Each structure stands twice: as structure tokens, then as C-alpha cells.
Amino acid sequence: MTPYEIDQLNQERCEQQDQAALERYADGSTDAGFGQLPQFADPDYLAGYVATIQRLPRDAQGKIIHSSPHQHFAFGLIDSPDPGYGEF
């Protein structure tokens, strides 16, 4: 294979990955699953958003259970809900 052909294959692979990413996020399920507000008014996007919202876990009163805003990192002092924890 020539360097030009390798370059073409890499470019095609990148374009396919970009298209797959767009298709994966185009239905709104990712935004809904991560607790984000809807980003588009497209009917397909909103249908996926609403369908995902309906599948999220709920408490006894029917309120959607989202992850804690204090748990953005896997580990470390930042995870503590106590703002004074770990001060120097």
C-alpha cells in the first residue's frame, strides 16, 4: 500500500466514526441519560429524549433519580458532599 492509500483509508475510517457518533447522539438518549436539557427541537431527537427519560429510575414519589452533582470524578477529595472536607 502506498502512503496515499493509507491516508485515504484513515480518512474514510475517521468519517465513518464521525457518522456513527452523530447517529448515536442524534436521538436525544445521551442527553436525557446524563440529565442534560434537550438541545434540539427535531422530532426524532425529542422522541429519543422522552423515551430515555421514561426509562430512568424513579423514587417512591415518581421523581427521576439523577446521580449526585458531587460525584463527577471517580475518586479523590472532590467527591465529598461536605465542602469543608479535605481542606488544608
PDB file of N, CA and C in Angstrom:
ATOM      1  N   MET A   1       0.831  -1.180   0.000  1.00  0.00           N
ATOM      2  CA  MET A   1       0.000   0.000   0.000  1.00  0.00           C
ATOM      3  C   MET A   1       0.876   1.244   0.000  1.00  0.00           C
ATOM      4  N   THR A   2       0.438   2.196  -0.759  1.00  0.00           N
ATOM      5  CA  THR A   2       1.188   3.450  -0.803  1.00  0.00           C
ATOM      6  C   THR A   2       0.758   4.347   0.359  1.00  0.00           C
ATOM      7  N   PRO A   3       1.578   5.315   0.717  1.00  0.00           N
ATOM      8  CA  PRO A   3       1.180   6.247   1.781  1.00  0.00           C
ATOM      9  C   PRO A   3      -0.135   6.968   1.461  1.00  0.00           C
ATOM     10  N   TYR A   4      -0.361   7.241   0.180  1.00  0.00           N
ATOM     11  CA  TYR A   4      -1.608   7.894  -0.218  1.00  0.00           C
ATOM     12  C   TYR A   4      -2.813   6.999   0.096  1.00  0.00           C
ATOM     13  N   GLU A   5      -2.710   5.703  -0.208  1.00  0.00           N
ATOM     14  CA  GLU A   5      -3.802   4.777   0.062  1.00  0.00           C
ATOM     15  C   GLU A   5      -4.047   4.629   1.558  1.00  0.00           C
ATOM     16  N   ILE A   6      -3.002   4.595   2.326  1.00  0.00           N
ATOM     17  CA  ILE A   6      -3.137   4.505   3.785  1.00  0.00           C
ATOM     18  C   ILE A   6      -3.829   5.750   4.314  1.00  0.00           C
ATOM     19  N   ASP A   7      -3.447   6.889   3.785  1.00  0.00           N
ATOM     20  CA  ASP A   7      -4.069   8.150   4.181  1.00  0.00           C
ATOM     21  C   ASP A   7      -5.560   8.154   3.840  1.00  0.00           C
ATOM     22  N   GLN A   8      -5.905   7.659   2.670  1.00  0.00           N
ATOM     23  CA  GLN A   8      -7.303   7.583   2.253  1.00  0.00           C
ATOM     24  C   GLN A   8      -8.096   6.662   3.171  1.00  0.00           C
ATOM     25  N   LEU A   9      -7.530   5.517   3.506  1.00  0.00           N
ATOM     26  CA  LEU A   9      -8.208   4.577   4.406  1.00  0.00           C
ATOM     27  C   LEU A   9      -8.420   5.198   5.786  1.00  0.00           C
ATOM     28  N   ASN A  10      -7.414   5.892   6.287  1.00  0.00           N
ATOM     29  CA  ASN A  10      -7.547   6.556   7.584  1.00  0.00           C
ATOM     30  C   ASN A  10      -8.630   7.623   7.548  1.00  0.00           C
ATOM     31  N   GLN A  11      -8.677   8.378   6.474  1.00  0.00           N
ATOM     32  CA  GLN A  11      -9.694   9.412   6.335  1.00  0.00           C
ATOM     33  C   GLN A  11     -11.092   8.801   6.274  1.00  0.00           C
ATOM     34  N   GLU A  12     -11.256   7.729   5.519  1.00  0.00           N
ATOM     35  CA  GLU A  12     -12.552   7.058   5.433  1.00  0.00           C
ATOM     36  C   GLU A  12     -12.968   6.506   6.796  1.00  0.00           C
ATOM     37  N   ARG A  13     -12.021   5.926   7.522  1.00  0.00           N
ATOM     38  CA  ARG A  13     -12.319   5.391   8.852  1.00  0.00           C
ATOM     39  C   ARG A  13     -12.776   6.503   9.790  1.00  0.00           C
ATOM     40  N   CYS A  14     -12.102   7.641   9.744  1.00  0.00           N
ATOM     41  CA  CYS A  14     -12.481   8.771  10.591  1.00  0.00           C
ATOM     42  C   CYS A  14     -13.872   9.285  10.247  1.00  0.00           C
ATOM     43  N   GLU A  15     -14.181   9.361   8.962  1.00  0.00           N
ATOM     44  CA  GLU A  15     -15.502   9.809   8.541  1.00  0.00           C
ATOM     45  C   GLU A  15     -16.593   8.840   8.996  1.00  0.00           C
ATOM     46  N   GLN A  16     -16.314   7.544   8.928  1.00  0.00           N
ATOM     47  CA  GLN A  16     -17.279   6.544   9.393  1.00  0.00           C
ATOM     48  C   GLN A  16     -17.489   6.653  10.899  1.00  0.00           C
ATOM     49  N   GLN A  17     -16.421   6.887  11.651  1.00  0.00           N
ATOM     50  CA  GLN A  17     -16.541   7.047  13.095  1.00  0.00           C
ATOM     51  C   GLN A  17     -17.334   8.303  13.444  1.00  0.00           C
ATOM     52  N   ASP A  18     -17.093   9.383  12.706  1.00  0.00           N
ATOM     53  CA  ASP A  18     -17.844  10.619  12.941  1.00  0.00           C
ATOM     54  C   ASP A  18     -19.327  10.420  12.661  1.00  0.00           C
ATOM     55  N   GLN A  19     -19.639   9.724  11.573  1.00  0.00           N
ATOM     56  CA  GLN A  19     -21.035   9.467  11.225  1.00  0.00           C
ATOM     57  C   GLN A  19     -21.693   8.588  12.280  1.00  0.00           C
ATOM     58  N   ALA A  20     -20.984   7.586  12.763  1.00  0.00           N
ATOM     59  CA  ALA A  20     -21.531   6.710  13.806  1.00  0.00           C
ATOM     60  C   ALA A  20     -21.794   7.494  15.085  1.00  0.00           C
ATOM     61  N   ALA A  21     -20.912   8.417  15.425  1.00  0.00           N
ATOM     62  CA  ALA A  21     -21.102   9.243  16.617  1.00  0.00           C
ATOM     63  C   ALA A  21     -22.327  10.137  16.463  1.00  0.00           C
ATOM     64  N   LEU A  22     -22.504  10.722  15.287  1.00  0.00           N
ATOM     65  CA  LEU A  22     -23.680  11.561  15.045  1.00  0.00           C
ATOM     66  C   LEU A  22     -24.964  10.752  15.168  1.00  0.00           C
ATOM     67  N   GLU A  23     -24.977   9.556  14.629  1.00  0.00           N
ATOM     68  CA  GLU A  23     -26.161   8.700  14.719  1.00  0.00           C
ATOM     69  C   GLU A  23     -26.433   8.282  16.158  1.00  0.00           C
ATOM     70  N   ARG A  24     -25.377   8.051  16.910  1.00  0.00           N
ATOM     71  CA  ARG A  24     -25.524   7.623  18.300  1.00  0.00           C
ATOM     72  C   ARG A  24     -26.134   8.738  19.148  1.00  0.00           C
ATOM     73  N   TYR A  25     -25.761   9.982  18.883  1.00  0.00           N
ATOM     74  CA  TYR A  25     -26.236  11.099  19.699  1.00  0.00           C
ATOM     75  C   TYR A  25     -27.438  11.808  19.095  1.00  0.00           C
ATOM     76  N   ALA A  26     -27.859  11.442  17.892  1.00  0.00           N
ATOM     77  CA  ALA A  26     -28.929  12.152  17.202  1.00  0.00           C
ATOM     78  C   ALA A  26     -30.302  11.886  17.794  1.00  0.00           C
ATOM     79  N   ASP A  27     -30.459  10.845  18.604  1.00  0.00           N
ATOM     80  CA  ASP A  27     -31.795  10.524  19.095  1.00  0.00           C
ATOM     81  C   ASP A  27     -32.110  11.120  20.463  1.00  0.00           C
ATOM     82  N   GLY A  28     -31.232  11.869  21.074  1.00  0.00           N
ATOM     83  CA  GLY A  28     -31.518  12.525  22.340  1.00  0.00           C
ATOM     84  C   GLY A  28     -31.340  11.659  23.565  1.00  0.00           C
ATOM     85  N   SER A  29     -31.094  10.379  23.392  1.00  0.00           N
ATOM     86  CA  SER A  29     -30.990   9.490  24.547  1.00  0.00           C
ATOM     87  C   SER A  29     -29.766   9.800  25.405  1.00  0.00           C
ATOM     88  N   THR A  30     -28.680  10.235  24.782  1.00  0.00           N
ATOM     89  CA  THR A  30     -27.478  10.541  25.556  1.00  0.00           C
ATOM     90  C   THR A  30     -27.702  11.757  26.448  1.00  0.00           C
ATOM     91  N   ASP A  31     -28.290  12.811  25.896  1.00  0.00           N
ATOM     92  CA  ASP A  31     -28.557  14.000  26.699  1.00  0.00           C
ATOM     93  C   ASP A  31     -29.509  13.686  27.848  1.00  0.00           C
ATOM     94  N   ALA A  32     -30.548  12.924  27.573  1.00  0.00           N
ATOM     95  CA  ALA A  32     -31.511  12.575  28.625  1.00  0.00           C
ATOM     96  C   ALA A  32     -30.867  11.702  29.690  1.00  0.00           C
ATOM     97  N   GLY A  33     -30.052  10.752  29.273  1.00  0.00           N
ATOM     98  CA  GLY A  33     -29.407   9.842  30.221  1.00  0.00           C
ATOM     99  C   GLY A  33     -28.440  10.544  31.151  1.00  0.00           C
ATOM    100  N   PHE A  34     -27.832  11.630  30.682  1.00  0.00           N
ATOM    101  CA  PHE A  34     -26.892  12.378  31.515  1.00  0.00           C
ATOM    102  C   PHE A  34     -27.541  13.573  32.201  1.00  0.00           C
ATOM    103  N   GLY A  35     -28.864  13.689  32.130  1.00  0.00           N
ATOM    104  CA  GLY A  35     -29.572  14.746  32.834  1.00  0.00           C
ATOM    105  C   GLY A  35     -29.422  16.122  32.209  1.00  0.00           C
ATOM    106  N   GLN A  36     -29.103  16.173  30.930  1.00  0.00           N
ATOM    107  CA  GLN A  36     -28.968  17.451  30.229  1.00  0.00           C
ATOM    108  C   GLN A  36     -30.331  17.890  29.693  1.00  0.00           C
ATOM    109  N   LEU A  37     -30.480  19.194  29.528  1.00  0.00           N
ATOM    110  CA  LEU A  37     -31.685  19.705  28.894  1.00  0.00           C
ATOM    111  C   LEU A  37     -31.665  19.345  27.413  1.00  0.00           C
ATOM    112  N   PRO A  38     -32.837  19.249  26.774  1.00  0.00           N
ATOM    113  CA  PRO A  38     -32.856  18.951  25.344  1.00  0.00           C
ATOM    114  C   PRO A  38     -32.128  20.042  24.559  1.00  0.00           C
ATOM    115  N   GLN A  39     -31.415  19.640  23.521  1.00  0.00           N
ATOM    116  CA  GLN A  39     -30.616  20.569  22.728  1.00  0.00           C
ATOM    117  C   GLN A  39     -31.247  20.920  21.388  1.00  0.00           C
ATOM    118  N   PHE A  40     -32.142  20.080  20.877  1.00  0.00           N
ATOM    119  CA  PHE A  40     -32.716  20.280  19.549  1.00  0.00           C
ATOM    120  C   PHE A  40     -34.223  20.095  19.595  1.00  0.00           C
ATOM    121  N   ALA A  41     -34.924  20.659  18.613  1.00  0.00           N
ATOM    122  CA  ALA A  41     -36.378  20.515  18.520  1.00  0.00           C
ATOM    123  C   ALA A  41     -36.778  19.499  17.451  1.00  0.00           C
ATOM    124  N   ASP A  42     -35.817  18.746  16.958  1.00  0.00           N
ATOM    125  CA  ASP A  42     -36.080  17.727  15.942  1.00  0.00           C
ATOM    126  C   ASP A  42     -36.980  16.632  16.531  1.00  0.00           C
ATOM    127  N   PRO A  43     -38.044  16.207  15.827  1.00  0.00           N
ATOM    128  CA  PRO A  43     -38.957  15.193  16.370  1.00  0.00           C
ATOM    129  C   PRO A  43     -38.273  13.874  16.744  1.00  0.00           C
ATOM    130  N   ASP A  44     -37.320  13.400  15.935  1.00  0.00           N
ATOM    131  CA  ASP A  44     -36.626  12.146  16.262  1.00  0.00           C
ATOM    132  C   ASP A  44     -35.791  12.313  17.522  1.00  0.00           C
ATOM    133  N   TYR A  45     -35.126  13.445  17.639  1.00  0.00           N
ATOM    134  CA  TYR A  45     -34.308  13.724  18.818  1.00  0.00           C
ATOM    135  C   TYR A  45     -35.195  13.760  20.069  1.00  0.00           C
ATOM    136  N   LEU A  46     -36.299  14.481  19.991  1.00  0.00           N
ATOM    137  CA  LEU A  46     -37.189  14.595  21.149  1.00  0.00           C
ATOM    138  C   LEU A  46     -37.842  13.263  21.505  1.00  0.00           C
ATOM    139  N   ALA A  47     -38.158  12.444  20.512  1.00  0.00           N
ATOM    140  CA  ALA A  47     -38.739  11.127  20.783  1.00  0.00           C
ATOM    141  C   ALA A  47     -37.748  10.252  21.555  1.00  0.00           C
ATOM    142  N   GLY A  48     -36.485  10.262  21.146  1.00  0.00           N
ATOM    143  CA  GLY A  48     -35.460   9.502  21.868  1.00  0.00           C
ATOM    144  C   GLY A  48     -35.220  10.052  23.253  1.00  0.00           C
ATOM    145  N   TYR A  49     -35.271  11.363  23.392  1.00  0.00           N
ATOM    146  CA  TYR A  49     -35.078  12.015  24.698  1.00  0.00           C
ATOM    147  C   TYR A  49     -36.173  11.590  25.670  1.00  0.00           C
ATOM    148  N   VAL A  50     -37.418  11.690  25.221  1.00  0.00           N
ATOM    149  CA  VAL A  50     -38.557  11.336  26.074  1.00  0.00           C
ATOM    150  C   VAL A  50     -38.545   9.844  26.403  1.00  0.00           C
ATOM    151  N   ALA A  51     -38.233   9.004  25.430  1.00  0.00           N
ATOM    152  CA  ALA A  51     -38.191   7.556  25.686  1.00  0.00           C
ATOM    153  C   ALA A  51     -37.149   7.220  26.740  1.00  0.00           C
ATOM    154  N   THR A  52     -36.004   7.892  26.709  1.00  0.00           N
ATOM    155  CA  THR A  52     -34.961   7.637  27.704  1.00  0.00           C
ATOM    156  C   THR A  52     -35.383   8.153  29.071  1.00  0.00           C
ATOM    157  N   ILE A  53     -36.001   9.326  29.108  1.00  0.00           N
ATOM    158  CA  ILE A  53     -36.491   9.874  30.377  1.00  0.00           C
ATOM    159  C   ILE A  53     -37.463   8.897  31.038  1.00  0.00           C
ATOM    160  N   GLN A  54     -38.308   8.274  30.240  1.00  0.00           N
ATOM    161  CA  GLN A  54     -39.297   7.342  30.783  1.00  0.00           C
ATOM    162  C   GLN A  54     -38.662   6.080  31.350  1.00  0.00           C
ATOM    163  N   ARG A  55     -37.454   5.730  30.908  1.00  0.00           N
ATOM    164  CA  ARG A  55     -36.778   4.522  31.395  1.00  0.00           C
ATOM    165  C   ARG A  55     -35.879   4.778  32.603  1.00  0.00           C
ATOM    166  N   LEU A  56     -35.646   6.037  32.961  1.00  0.00           N
ATOM    167  CA  LEU A  56     -34.748   6.337  34.080  1.00  0.00           C
ATOM    168  C   LEU A  56     -35.352   5.881  35.401  1.00  0.00           C
ATOM    169  N   PRO A  57     -34.501   5.518  36.376  1.00  0.00           N
ATOM    170  CA  PRO A  57     -35.022   5.067  37.676  1.00  0.00           C
ATOM    171  C   PRO A  57     -35.740   6.199  38.413  1.00  0.00           C
ATOM    172  N   ARG A  58     -36.749   5.820  39.210  1.00  0.00           N
ATOM    173  CA  ARG A  58     -37.540   6.803  39.956  1.00  0.00           C
ATOM    174  C   ARG A  58     -37.626   6.400  41.428  1.00  0.00           C
ATOM    175  N   ASP A  59     -37.878   7.392  42.271  1.00  0.00           N
ATOM    176  CA  ASP A  59     -38.062   7.105  43.690  1.00  0.00           C
ATOM    177  C   ASP A  59     -39.533   6.758  43.939  1.00  0.00           C
ATOM    178  N   ALA A  60     -39.918   6.625  45.222  1.00  0.00           N
ATOM    179  CA  ALA A  60     -41.281   6.201  45.567  1.00  0.00           C
ATOM    180  C   ALA A  60     -42.341   7.205  45.107  1.00  0.00           C
ATOM    181  N   GLN A  61     -41.998   8.488  45.035  1.00  0.00           N
ATOM    182  CA  GLN A  61     -42.953   9.507  44.595  1.00  0.00           C
ATOM    183  C   GLN A  61     -42.978   9.666  43.074  1.00  0.00           C
ATOM    184  N   GLY A  62     -42.140   8.962  42.354  1.00  0.00           N
ATOM    185  CA  GLY A  62     -42.097   9.042  40.907  1.00  0.00           C
ATOM    186  C   GLY A  62     -41.102  10.046  40.365  1.00  0.00           C
ATOM    187  N   LYS A  63     -40.312  10.652  41.258  1.00  0.00           N
ATOM    188  CA  LYS A  63     -39.312  11.625  40.828  1.00  0.00           C
ATOM    189  C   LYS A  63     -38.095  10.898  40.253  1.00  0.00           C
ATOM    190  N   ILE A  64     -37.560  11.394  39.149  1.00  0.00           N
ATOM    191  CA  ILE A  64     -36.411  10.768  38.495  1.00  0.00           C
ATOM    192  C   ILE A  64     -35.188  10.883  39.396  1.00  0.00           C
ATOM    193  N   ILE A  65     -34.463   9.782  39.526  1.00  0.00           N
ATOM    194  CA  ILE A  65     -33.250   9.757  40.346  1.00  0.00           C
ATOM    195  C   ILE A  65     -32.058  10.018  39.441  1.00  0.00           C
ATOM    196  N   HIS A  66     -31.407  11.162  39.659  1.00  0.00           N
ATOM    197  CA  HIS A  66     -30.194  11.502  38.922  1.00  0.00           C
ATOM    198  C   HIS A  66     -29.000  11.267  39.833  1.00  0.00           C
ATOM    199  N   SER A  67     -27.837  11.103  39.250  1.00  0.00           N
ATOM    200  CA  SER A  67     -26.645  10.935  40.071  1.00  0.00           C
ATOM    201  C   SER A  67     -26.353  12.239  40.809  1.00  0.00           C
ATOM    202  N   SER A  68     -25.639  12.140  41.897  1.00  0.00           N
ATOM    203  CA  SER A  68     -25.304  13.299  42.709  1.00  0.00           C
ATOM    204  C   SER A  68     -24.401  14.246  41.936  1.00  0.00           C
ATOM    205  N   PRO A  69     -24.630  15.560  42.058  1.00  0.00           N
ATOM    206  CA  PRO A  69     -23.738  16.507  41.386  1.00  0.00           C
ATOM    207  C   PRO A  69     -22.343  16.537  42.004  1.00  0.00           C
ATOM    208  N   HIS A  70     -22.182  15.912  43.165  1.00  0.00           N
ATOM    209  CA  HIS A  70     -20.881  15.888  43.837  1.00  0.00           C
ATOM    210  C   HIS A  70     -20.012  14.731  43.373  1.00  0.00           C
ATOM    211  N   GLN A  71     -20.530  13.841  42.552  1.00  0.00           N
ATOM    212  CA  GLN A  71     -19.785  12.657  42.142  1.00  0.00           C
ATOM    213  C   GLN A  71     -19.382  12.740  40.675  1.00  0.00           C
ATOM    214  N   HIS A  72     -18.654  13.776  40.309  1.00  0.00           N
ATOM    215  CA  HIS A  72     -18.217  13.931  38.927  1.00  0.00           C
ATOM    216  C   HIS A  72     -16.903  13.215  38.649  1.00  0.00           C
ATOM    217  N   PHE A  73     -16.157  12.839  39.669  1.00  0.00           N
ATOM    218  CA  PHE A  73     -14.871  12.198  39.491  1.00  0.00           C
ATOM    219  C   PHE A  73     -14.914  10.818  40.135  1.00  0.00           C
ATOM    220  N   ALA A  74     -14.089   9.921  39.647  1.00  0.00           N
ATOM    221  CA  ALA A  74     -14.111   8.543  40.132  1.00  0.00           C
ATOM    222  C   ALA A  74     -13.645   8.437  41.575  1.00  0.00           C
ATOM    223  N   PHE A  75     -12.685   9.251  41.980  1.00  0.00           N
ATOM    224  CA  PHE A  75     -12.181   9.195  43.338  1.00  0.00           C
ATOM    225  C   PHE A  75     -11.449  10.485  43.661  1.00  0.00           C
ATOM    226  N   GLY A  76     -11.163  10.670  44.940  1.00  0.00           N
ATOM    227  CA  GLY A  76     -10.456  11.872  45.371  1.00  0.00           C
ATOM    228  C   GLY A  76     -11.290  12.685  46.336  1.00  0.00           C
ATOM    229  N   LEU A  77     -10.714  13.747  46.828  1.00  0.00           N
ATOM    230  CA  LEU A  77     -11.390  14.576  47.814  1.00  0.00           C
ATOM    231  C   LEU A  77     -12.552  15.362  47.209  1.00  0.00           C
ATOM    232  N   ILE A  78     -12.580  15.545  45.935  1.00  0.00           N
ATOM    233  CA  ILE A  78     -13.634  16.324  45.286  1.00  0.00           C
ATOM    234  C   ILE A  78     -14.986  15.629  45.403  1.00  0.00           C
ATOM    235  N   ASP A  79     -14.999  14.318  45.579  1.00  0.00           N
ATOM    236  CA  ASP A  79     -16.257  13.575  45.624  1.00  0.00           C
ATOM    237  C   ASP A  79     -17.068  13.824  46.889  1.00  0.00           C
ATOM    238  N   SER A  80     -16.497  14.395  47.899  1.00  0.00           N
ATOM    239  CA  SER A  80     -17.187  14.563  49.161  1.00  0.00           C
ATOM    240  C   SER A  80     -18.295  15.600  49.052  1.00  0.00           C
ATOM    241  N   PRO A  81     -19.498  15.288  49.572  1.00  0.00           N
ATOM    242  CA  PRO A  81     -20.570  16.282  49.571  1.00  0.00           C
ATOM    243  C   PRO A  81     -20.318  17.382  50.605  1.00  0.00           C
ATOM    244  N   ASP A  82     -19.388  17.155  51.527  1.00  0.00           N
ATOM    245  CA  ASP A  82     -19.043  18.139  52.551  1.00  0.00           C
ATOM    246  C   ASP A  82     -18.008  19.114  51.977  1.00  0.00           C
ATOM    247  N   PRO A  83     -18.356  20.400  51.788  1.00  0.00           N
ATOM    248  CA  PRO A  83     -17.415  21.324  51.164  1.00  0.00           C
ATOM    249  C   PRO A  83     -16.164  21.569  52.002  1.00  0.00           C
ATOM    250  N   GLY A  84     -16.206  21.313  53.294  1.00  0.00           N
ATOM    251  CA  GLY A  84     -15.047  21.543  54.140  1.00  0.00           C
ATOM    252  C   GLY A  84     -14.120  20.332  54.249  1.00  0.00           C
ATOM    253  N   TYR A  85     -14.485  19.233  53.627  1.00  0.00           N
ATOM    254  CA  TYR A  85     -13.713  18.006  53.745  1.00  0.00           C
ATOM    255  C   TYR A  85     -12.403  18.137  52.992  1.00  0.00           C
ATOM    256  N   GLY A  86     -11.311  17.853  53.636  1.00  0.00           N
ATOM    257  CA  GLY A  86     -10.014  17.825  52.982  1.00  0.00           C
ATOM    258  C   GLY A  86      -9.366  19.182  52.829  1.00  0.00           C
ATOM    259  N   GLU A  87      -9.850  20.189  53.551  1.00  0.00           N
ATOM    260  CA  GLU A  87      -9.198  21.500  53.447  1.00  0.00           C
ATOM    261  C   GLU A  87      -7.842  21.456  54.104  1.00  0.00           C
ATOM    262  N   PHE A  88      -6.909  22.248  53.598  1.00  0.00           N
ATOM    263  CA  PHE A  88      -5.565  22.276  54.133  1.00  0.00           C
ATOM    264  C   PHE A  88      -5.426  23.344  55.186  1.00  0.00           C
TER     265      PHE A  88
END
